[in-house]
Each structure stands twice: as structure tokens, then as C-alpha cells.
């Protein structure tokens, strides 16, 4: 199943408090991940500050998450009908077996990001980067 992902840029403008509140509300939107928040900058015409947010709709596929875990030092402990349990540095994260429940995927990304010391947006960007790279061709003599 191919899921369409959309990346959008949003410009926020207003008082620093209002911009912070709106940015926080946008990070709480289910199914949207904040990939980047610009530094605050002023506008000559409007009082207050402006920020740009880059948002991504949807989550990476379970196969992309699993590939990222394998390449970044995570160890698969067990696999069952609901998914797999992964561990790194004593922390654990359950990754669902399929893409049918975005809330389960979101929870897995939150646990993985916490272990990695990153926010979910950074982790999603890293997973997307790995998933977008083509697999290298096997060298002669490799199976």
C-alpha cells in the first residue's frame, strides 16, 4: 500500500506568545509531524515575530521504521502477530506489524525518538532520508 505524504510550509505571524501557542497546537495535530521550525524573525510591516513551520502529513511505513532501526543499533527481541519489540540502551519500543493504525505507529516513533534523544520530527526526517536512498547493488562475491 502506498500512502501519499504531503509536506507543507506554514508561516505564523503575531506576538511571540501567540506564535508559540500556534506552533504548539500544530505539533499536537494527529497525523502531522513538525519537521522544522525556523528561528523567529521580525517583519517591518507587522509587529511581533514570524516563524515558518515545515509539517509532514502521515508517518513513515512500518517497513521504513524497521529498516532504520536495523541500521541504527536497535535489536529485535521478539516478533508476534501485533508487531515486534525492539531494544536499545535498555529502552524498548514496540513497532506494529502493519500500517493499519497510525496511533500505534505514532507511539512507536515517540518511544524510539525518546531513546535516540531526538524529537519525532527529527526521527521522521531521518527515516524518510534512509527510505529515499536506493539500495546499493551487491558487489561481486556478495550474496
Foldseek 3Di string as FASTA:
>chain_A
DDDDKDKDKDKDWDAPVVSVVVVVVQCPDPQKHWQDKADWDADPVDPHTMIMTIIMGHADWLVLVVVVCVVPPKDWDDADQQATWIDDPRFIAGGGPGDPDRVNNVRRLCSVCVVVVHHSSNVRVVSVVVVPDDDDDDDPPDD
